[in-house]
Amino acid sequence: MLCVFLTAFFASKLEHESKHCNGKGFQRPGSSAFDRVYTANQNCGHAYPTFLAVLWCAGLLCSQAPAAFAGLMYLFVRQKYFVGYLGERTQSTPGYLFGKRIILFLFLMSVAGILNYYLIFFFGSDFEMHIKTITSAISPLLLIP
């Protein structure tokens, strides 16, 4: 739900910049403000399918609470990336790198859940509680920039 509101915010910023630029269509030469907003909107839109896939897998296969926390952090980081992109391009770099780290965390949670499934299937060993403890302990470390 929060993802929808964030996407609507990005779209409204794009529409606002589009109205303030002269010309028709998306090809507006010389409008650097519109280009930055349009590029930031496209970058955020292209990242969401990957984010949703790893969020769903991490929550389903590993642990829901750390995955939900990481998902909320990712949405706030994308907001920081978008706002940073409206300024200079170098202002968006921290948000981009922070977002990559959160996606990596969610991916590793998914891999840990898959490995646990195969350990149960082949060896009968269940490490679910250990994995949940580790991911719950590591997830607050995502707050460190």
N, C-alpha and C. Protein backbone atom coordinates (compact mmCIF):
# COMPACT_ATOMS: atom_id res chain seq x y z
N MET A 1 0.83 -1.18 0.00
CA MET A 1 0.00 0.00 0.00
C MET A 1 0.87 1.25 0.00
N LEU A 2 1.91 1.25 0.82
CA LEU A 2 2.82 2.39 0.86
C LEU A 2 3.54 2.55 -0.46
N CYS A 3 3.81 1.44 -1.12
CA CYS A 3 4.45 1.47 -2.43
C CYS A 3 3.59 2.22 -3.44
N VAL A 4 2.29 2.05 -3.36
CA VAL A 4 1.37 2.73 -4.27
C VAL A 4 1.40 4.24 -4.03
N PHE A 5 1.41 4.65 -2.76
CA PHE A 5 1.47 6.07 -2.45
C PHE A 5 2.78 6.69 -2.91
N LEU A 6 3.87 5.96 -2.76
CA LEU A 6 5.17 6.46 -3.19
C LEU A 6 5.20 6.61 -4.70
N THR A 7 4.66 5.64 -5.42
CA THR A 7 4.60 5.72 -6.88
C THR A 7 3.71 6.89 -7.31
N ALA A 8 2.62 7.11 -6.61
CA ALA A 8 1.74 8.24 -6.93
C ALA A 8 2.46 9.57 -6.68
N PHE A 9 3.27 9.63 -5.63
CA PHE A 9 4.05 10.84 -5.37
C PHE A 9 5.04 11.10 -6.50
N PHE A 10 5.73 10.05 -6.94
CA PHE A 10 6.68 10.21 -8.04
C PHE A 10 5.97 10.67 -9.31
N ALA A 11 4.81 10.09 -9.58
CA ALA A 11 4.06 10.47 -10.77
C ALA A 11 3.56 11.92 -10.68
N SER A 12 3.15 12.35 -9.49
CA SER A 12 2.69 13.74 -9.35
C SER A 12 3.84 14.72 -9.55
N LYS A 13 5.03 14.37 -9.06
CA LYS A 13 6.19 15.24 -9.29
C LYS A 13 6.51 15.31 -10.78
N LEU A 14 6.40 14.19 -11.46
CA LEU A 14 6.65 14.16 -12.90
C LEU A 14 5.62 15.01 -13.63
N GLU A 15 4.36 14.90 -13.26
CA GLU A 15 3.31 15.70 -13.89
C GLU A 15 3.52 17.19 -13.61
N HIS A 16 3.92 17.53 -12.39
CA HIS A 16 4.17 18.91 -12.03
C HIS A 16 5.29 19.51 -12.90
N GLU A 17 6.39 18.79 -13.04
CA GLU A 17 7.49 19.27 -13.86
C GLU A 17 7.11 19.32 -15.34
N SER A 18 6.26 18.38 -15.76
CA SER A 18 5.83 18.36 -17.15
C SER A 18 5.00 19.59 -17.48
N LYS A 19 4.16 20.03 -16.56
CA LYS A 19 3.33 21.21 -16.79
C LYS A 19 4.14 22.49 -16.80
N HIS A 20 5.25 22.50 -16.10
CA HIS A 20 6.06 23.70 -16.03
C HIS A 20 7.06 23.83 -17.17
N CYS A 21 7.13 22.82 -18.03
CA CYS A 21 8.04 22.86 -19.16
C CYS A 21 7.26 23.21 -20.42
N ASN A 22 7.90 23.88 -21.34
CA ASN A 22 7.25 24.22 -22.61
C ASN A 22 7.35 23.06 -23.57
N GLY A 23 6.41 22.95 -24.48
CA GLY A 23 6.44 21.89 -25.48
C GLY A 23 5.46 20.79 -25.13
N LYS A 24 5.34 19.85 -26.04
CA LYS A 24 4.41 18.75 -25.85
C LYS A 24 5.17 17.43 -25.86
N GLY A 25 4.61 16.45 -25.19
CA GLY A 25 5.23 15.13 -25.16
C GLY A 25 6.34 15.06 -24.15
N PHE A 26 7.03 13.95 -24.15
CA PHE A 26 8.10 13.74 -23.18
C PHE A 26 9.46 14.20 -23.68
N GLN A 27 9.56 14.58 -24.93
CA GLN A 27 10.83 15.06 -25.47
C GLN A 27 10.90 16.57 -25.30
N ARG A 28 11.55 17.00 -24.25
CA ARG A 28 11.67 18.43 -23.96
C ARG A 28 13.15 18.78 -23.89
N PRO A 29 13.74 19.16 -25.00
CA PRO A 29 15.16 19.48 -24.96
C PRO A 29 15.42 20.72 -24.11
N GLY A 30 16.46 20.67 -23.34
CA GLY A 30 16.87 21.81 -22.54
C GLY A 30 16.19 21.91 -21.19
N SER A 31 15.32 21.00 -20.84
CA SER A 31 14.64 21.04 -19.56
C SER A 31 15.29 20.05 -18.61
N SER A 32 16.32 20.50 -17.94
CA SER A 32 17.06 19.58 -17.08
C SER A 32 16.23 19.15 -15.86
N ALA A 33 15.36 20.03 -15.35
CA ALA A 33 14.53 19.66 -14.19
C ALA A 33 13.58 18.53 -14.58
N PHE A 34 12.94 18.65 -15.72
CA PHE A 34 12.04 17.60 -16.17
C PHE A 34 12.81 16.32 -16.44
N ASP A 35 13.98 16.41 -17.04
CA ASP A 35 14.78 15.22 -17.33
C ASP A 35 15.16 14.48 -16.06
N ARG A 36 15.53 15.25 -15.03
CA ARG A 36 15.90 14.61 -13.76
C ARG A 36 14.71 13.90 -13.12
N VAL A 37 13.55 14.55 -13.12
CA VAL A 37 12.36 13.95 -12.52
C VAL A 37 11.94 12.72 -13.33
N TYR A 38 11.98 12.84 -14.64
CA TYR A 38 11.58 11.72 -15.49
C TYR A 38 12.52 10.52 -15.31
N THR A 39 13.82 10.79 -15.26
CA THR A 39 14.79 9.72 -15.07
C THR A 39 14.65 9.07 -13.70
N ALA A 40 14.47 9.88 -12.67
CA ALA A 40 14.29 9.33 -11.32
C ALA A 40 13.03 8.48 -11.25
N ASN A 41 11.96 8.93 -11.88
CA ASN A 41 10.71 8.16 -11.89
C ASN A 41 10.90 6.84 -12.62
N GLN A 42 11.59 6.85 -13.74
CA GLN A 42 11.83 5.63 -14.50
C GLN A 42 12.73 4.67 -13.70
N ASN A 43 13.76 5.19 -13.06
CA ASN A 43 14.65 4.33 -12.27
C ASN A 43 13.90 3.67 -11.12
N CYS A 44 13.05 4.42 -10.45
CA CYS A 44 12.28 3.86 -9.34
C CYS A 44 11.28 2.83 -9.85
N GLY A 45 10.65 3.11 -10.98
CA GLY A 45 9.69 2.17 -11.55
C GLY A 45 10.33 0.87 -12.00
N HIS A 46 11.55 0.96 -12.51
CA HIS A 46 12.24 -0.25 -12.97
C HIS A 46 12.75 -1.10 -11.81
N ALA A 47 12.95 -0.50 -10.65
CA ALA A 47 13.47 -1.25 -9.50
C ALA A 47 12.38 -1.97 -8.71
N TYR A 48 11.13 -1.55 -8.84
CA TYR A 48 10.06 -2.12 -8.02
C TYR A 48 9.79 -3.60 -8.27
N PRO A 49 9.79 -4.10 -9.49
CA PRO A 49 9.55 -5.55 -9.65
C PRO A 49 10.58 -6.41 -8.93
N THR A 50 11.84 -6.02 -8.99
CA THR A 50 12.87 -6.76 -8.27
C THR A 50 12.65 -6.68 -6.77
N PHE A 51 12.34 -5.49 -6.30
CA PHE A 51 12.09 -5.30 -4.87
C PHE A 51 10.92 -6.17 -4.40
N LEU A 52 9.83 -6.14 -5.13
CA LEU A 52 8.66 -6.92 -4.73
C LEU A 52 8.93 -8.41 -4.74
N ALA A 53 9.71 -8.87 -5.72
CA ALA A 53 10.03 -10.30 -5.81
C ALA A 53 10.87 -10.76 -4.62
N VAL A 54 11.93 -10.02 -4.30
CA VAL A 54 12.79 -10.46 -3.19
C VAL A 54 12.09 -10.24 -1.85
N LEU A 55 11.26 -9.21 -1.74
CA LEU A 55 10.50 -9.00 -0.51
C LEU A 55 9.54 -10.16 -0.26
N TRP A 56 8.84 -10.56 -1.29
CA TRP A 56 7.89 -11.67 -1.16
C TRP A 56 8.62 -12.96 -0.82
N CYS A 57 9.72 -13.24 -1.51
CA CYS A 57 10.46 -14.48 -1.24
C CYS A 57 11.07 -14.48 0.17
N ALA A 58 11.62 -13.35 0.58
CA ALA A 58 12.22 -13.29 1.92
C ALA A 58 11.16 -13.47 3.00
N GLY A 59 10.02 -12.86 2.84
CA GLY A 59 8.96 -12.99 3.83
C GLY A 59 8.36 -14.38 3.85
N LEU A 60 8.23 -14.98 2.70
CA LEU A 60 7.62 -16.31 2.61
C LEU A 60 8.58 -17.41 3.04
N LEU A 61 9.82 -17.31 2.61
CA LEU A 61 10.77 -18.40 2.83
C LEU A 61 11.60 -18.26 4.11
N CYS A 62 11.70 -17.06 4.64
CA CYS A 62 12.59 -16.89 5.79
C CYS A 62 11.83 -16.35 7.01
N SER A 63 11.63 -15.06 7.07
CA SER A 63 10.98 -14.47 8.24
C SER A 63 10.25 -13.20 7.81
N GLN A 64 9.03 -13.05 8.27
CA GLN A 64 8.21 -11.94 7.81
C GLN A 64 8.58 -10.60 8.45
N ALA A 65 8.89 -10.59 9.73
CA ALA A 65 9.15 -9.32 10.42
C ALA A 65 10.40 -8.61 9.88
N PRO A 66 11.56 -9.28 9.78
CA PRO A 66 12.72 -8.58 9.21
C PRO A 66 12.51 -8.21 7.75
N ALA A 67 11.78 -9.03 7.00
CA ALA A 67 11.51 -8.70 5.59
C ALA A 67 10.63 -7.46 5.50
N ALA A 68 9.62 -7.37 6.36
CA ALA A 68 8.76 -6.20 6.35
C ALA A 68 9.53 -4.94 6.76
N PHE A 69 10.40 -5.06 7.75
CA PHE A 69 11.22 -3.93 8.17
C PHE A 69 12.13 -3.48 7.03
N ALA A 70 12.77 -4.43 6.37
CA ALA A 70 13.64 -4.10 5.25
C ALA A 70 12.84 -3.49 4.10
N GLY A 71 11.63 -3.97 3.89
CA GLY A 71 10.78 -3.41 2.84
C GLY A 71 10.41 -1.96 3.11
N LEU A 72 10.06 -1.66 4.36
CA LEU A 72 9.77 -0.26 4.71
C LEU A 72 11.00 0.62 4.57
N MET A 73 12.13 0.10 4.99
CA MET A 73 13.37 0.86 4.84
C MET A 73 13.67 1.13 3.37
N TYR A 74 13.42 0.13 2.52
CA TYR A 74 13.67 0.30 1.10
C TYR A 74 12.78 1.40 0.51
N LEU A 75 11.52 1.45 0.93
CA LEU A 75 10.64 2.49 0.41
C LEU A 75 11.09 3.88 0.84
N PHE A 76 11.56 4.02 2.07
CA PHE A 76 12.09 5.30 2.51
C PHE A 76 13.37 5.65 1.78
N VAL A 77 14.19 4.66 1.50
CA VAL A 77 15.43 4.90 0.76
C VAL A 77 15.14 5.32 -0.67
N ARG A 78 14.13 4.72 -1.30
CA ARG A 78 13.77 5.12 -2.66
C ARG A 78 13.27 6.56 -2.67
N GLN A 79 12.57 6.95 -1.62
CA GLN A 79 12.13 8.35 -1.51
C GLN A 79 13.36 9.26 -1.42
N LYS A 80 14.34 8.87 -0.62
CA LYS A 80 15.57 9.65 -0.50
C LYS A 80 16.30 9.71 -1.83
N TYR A 81 16.34 8.59 -2.54
CA TYR A 81 16.97 8.55 -3.85
C TYR A 81 16.27 9.50 -4.81
N PHE A 82 14.93 9.46 -4.83
CA PHE A 82 14.16 10.29 -5.75
C PHE A 82 14.39 11.77 -5.45
N VAL A 83 14.29 12.16 -4.20
CA VAL A 83 14.48 13.56 -3.82
C VAL A 83 15.93 13.98 -4.08
N GLY A 84 16.87 13.09 -3.82
CA GLY A 84 18.27 13.40 -4.11
C GLY A 84 18.53 13.57 -5.60
N TYR A 85 17.81 12.84 -6.41
CA TYR A 85 17.96 12.93 -7.85
C TYR A 85 17.44 14.26 -8.38
N LEU A 86 16.51 14.88 -7.67
CA LEU A 86 15.98 16.17 -8.09
C LEU A 86 17.02 17.27 -7.93
N GLY A 87 17.94 17.08 -7.00
CA GLY A 87 19.04 18.04 -6.83
C GLY A 87 20.14 17.69 -7.83
N GLU A 88 21.32 17.56 -7.33
CA GLU A 88 22.42 17.11 -8.16
C GLU A 88 22.43 15.59 -8.20
N ARG A 89 23.00 15.03 -9.24
CA ARG A 89 23.00 13.57 -9.40
C ARG A 89 23.80 12.89 -8.29
N THR A 90 24.79 13.57 -7.75
CA THR A 90 25.60 12.96 -6.69
C THR A 90 24.82 12.84 -5.38
N GLN A 91 23.74 13.61 -5.21
CA GLN A 91 22.94 13.52 -3.99
C GLN A 91 22.12 12.24 -3.95
N SER A 92 21.90 11.62 -5.10
CA SER A 92 21.11 10.40 -5.13
C SER A 92 21.95 9.15 -4.86
N THR A 93 23.26 9.28 -4.91
CA THR A 93 24.13 8.11 -4.74
C THR A 93 23.96 7.42 -3.39
N PRO A 94 23.89 8.12 -2.25
CA PRO A 94 23.70 7.40 -0.98
C PRO A 94 22.40 6.59 -0.95
N GLY A 95 21.33 7.15 -1.46
CA GLY A 95 20.06 6.41 -1.51
C GLY A 95 20.15 5.19 -2.40
N TYR A 96 20.85 5.32 -3.50
CA TYR A 96 21.02 4.19 -4.42
C TYR A 96 21.82 3.06 -3.77
N LEU A 97 22.93 3.40 -3.14
CA LEU A 97 23.78 2.39 -2.50
C LEU A 97 23.08 1.74 -1.31
N PHE A 98 22.34 2.53 -0.55
CA PHE A 98 21.59 2.01 0.58
C PHE A 98 20.50 1.05 0.11
N GLY A 99 19.85 1.40 -0.99
CA GLY A 99 18.83 0.53 -1.58
C GLY A 99 19.40 -0.79 -2.06
N LYS A 100 20.59 -0.74 -2.65
CA LYS A 100 21.25 -1.98 -3.09
C LYS A 100 21.55 -2.89 -1.91
N ARG A 101 21.96 -2.30 -0.79
CA ARG A 101 22.28 -3.09 0.40
C ARG A 101 21.02 -3.76 0.95
N ILE A 102 19.90 -3.07 0.91
CA ILE A 102 18.64 -3.66 1.40
C ILE A 102 18.18 -4.78 0.48
N ILE A 103 18.30 -4.58 -0.82
CA ILE A 103 17.93 -5.63 -1.77
C ILE A 103 18.82 -6.85 -1.55
N LEU A 104 20.10 -6.64 -1.31
CA LEU A 104 21.02 -7.76 -1.04
C LEU A 104 20.61 -8.50 0.23
N PHE A 105 20.23 -7.76 1.28
CA PHE A 105 19.77 -8.39 2.52
C PHE A 105 18.54 -9.25 2.27
N LEU A 106 17.57 -8.73 1.53
CA LEU A 106 16.37 -9.49 1.23
C LEU A 106 16.69 -10.72 0.37
N PHE A 107 17.62 -10.56 -0.56
CA PHE A 107 18.03 -11.70 -1.39
C PHE A 107 18.70 -12.78 -0.54
N LEU A 108 19.57 -12.37 0.38
CA LEU A 108 20.24 -13.35 1.24
C LEU A 108 19.25 -14.03 2.18
N MET A 109 18.23 -13.31 2.61
CA MET A 109 17.18 -13.94 3.41
C MET A 109 16.46 -15.01 2.59
N SER A 110 16.20 -14.72 1.33
CA SER A 110 15.54 -15.69 0.46
C SER A 110 16.40 -16.92 0.26
N VAL A 111 17.68 -16.72 0.03
CA VAL A 111 18.60 -17.84 -0.15
C VAL A 111 18.68 -18.68 1.12
N ALA A 112 18.72 -18.02 2.29
CA ALA A 112 18.76 -18.76 3.55
C ALA A 112 17.49 -19.59 3.73
N GLY A 113 16.36 -19.05 3.35
CA GLY A 113 15.11 -19.81 3.44
C GLY A 113 15.09 -21.01 2.51
N ILE A 114 15.62 -20.84 1.31
CA ILE A 114 15.69 -21.96 0.35
C ILE A 114 16.64 -23.03 0.85
N LEU A 115 17.81 -22.61 1.36
CA LEU A 115 18.77 -23.58 1.89
C LEU A 115 18.19 -24.34 3.08
N ASN A 116 17.44 -23.65 3.93
CA ASN A 116 16.81 -24.32 5.06
C ASN A 116 15.80 -25.35 4.58
N TYR A 117 15.05 -25.02 3.56
CA TYR A 117 14.08 -25.98 3.01
C TYR A 117 14.78 -27.25 2.53
N TYR A 118 15.87 -27.07 1.81
CA TYR A 118 16.59 -28.25 1.32
C TYR A 118 17.28 -29.03 2.44
N LEU A 119 17.73 -28.34 3.48
CA LEU A 119 18.29 -29.05 4.63
C LEU A 119 17.22 -29.90 5.32
N ILE A 120 16.01 -29.38 5.41
CA ILE A 120 14.91 -30.15 5.99
C ILE A 120 14.57 -31.33 5.09
N PHE A 121 14.51 -31.06 3.80
CA PHE A 121 14.09 -32.09 2.84
C PHE A 121 15.09 -33.25 2.77
N PHE A 122 16.39 -32.93 2.71
CA PHE A 122 17.39 -33.97 2.52
C PHE A 122 17.94 -34.55 3.82
N PHE A 123 18.13 -33.70 4.84
CA PHE A 123 18.80 -34.15 6.06
C PHE A 123 17.92 -34.16 7.29
N GLY A 124 16.76 -33.54 7.22
CA GLY A 124 15.88 -33.48 8.38
C GLY A 124 16.30 -32.47 9.42
N SER A 125 17.26 -31.61 9.10
CA SER A 125 17.73 -30.59 10.03
C SER A 125 16.99 -29.29 9.76
N ASP A 126 16.41 -28.71 10.80
CA ASP A 126 15.67 -27.46 10.65
C ASP A 126 16.41 -26.34 11.37
N PHE A 127 16.86 -25.36 10.62
CA PHE A 127 17.58 -24.22 11.19
C PHE A 127 16.73 -22.95 11.14
N GLU A 128 15.43 -23.10 11.05
CA GLU A 128 14.54 -21.95 10.89
C GLU A 128 14.65 -20.98 12.06
N MET A 129 14.68 -21.48 13.27
CA MET A 129 14.77 -20.59 14.44
C MET A 129 16.10 -19.83 14.45
N HIS A 130 17.17 -20.51 14.06
CA HIS A 130 18.48 -19.85 14.02
C HIS A 130 18.49 -18.76 12.95
N ILE A 131 17.90 -19.06 11.79
CA ILE A 131 17.87 -18.09 10.70
C ILE A 131 17.02 -16.89 11.09
N LYS A 132 15.88 -17.13 11.72
CA LYS A 132 15.02 -16.03 12.15
C LYS A 132 15.73 -15.16 13.19
N THR A 133 16.46 -15.78 14.10
CA THR A 133 17.20 -15.02 15.11
C THR A 133 18.27 -14.16 14.47
N ILE A 134 18.99 -14.74 13.53
CA ILE A 134 20.07 -14.00 12.85
C ILE A 134 19.51 -12.85 12.04
N THR A 135 18.46 -13.10 11.26
CA THR A 135 17.90 -12.02 10.44
C THR A 135 17.26 -10.93 11.30
N SER A 136 16.67 -11.32 12.43
CA SER A 136 16.11 -10.31 13.33
C SER A 136 17.20 -9.47 13.97
N ALA A 137 18.35 -10.07 14.22
CA ALA A 137 19.47 -9.33 14.81
C ALA A 137 20.16 -8.44 13.78
N ILE A 138 20.20 -8.89 12.53
CA ILE A 138 20.91 -8.14 11.49
C ILE A 138 20.05 -7.00 10.93
N SER A 139 18.74 -7.16 10.90
CA SER A 139 17.89 -6.15 10.25
C SER A 139 18.05 -4.74 10.84
N PRO A 140 18.24 -4.53 12.15
CA PRO A 140 18.47 -3.16 12.61
C PRO A 140 19.77 -2.56 12.09
N LEU A 141 20.71 -3.40 11.69
CA LEU A 141 21.96 -2.89 11.14
C LEU A 141 21.76 -2.21 9.79
N LEU A 142 20.59 -2.44 9.17
CA LEU A 142 20.29 -1.76 7.92
C LEU A 142 20.15 -0.26 8.10
N LEU A 143 19.91 0.17 9.33
CA LEU A 143 19.76 1.60 9.60
C LEU A 143 21.09 2.35 9.54
N ILE A 144 22.19 1.63 9.61
CA ILE A 144 23.51 2.27 9.55
C ILE A 144 23.80 2.63 8.10
N PRO A 145 24.01 3.93 7.82
CA PRO A 145 24.24 4.33 6.42
C PRO A 145 25.59 3.91 5.90
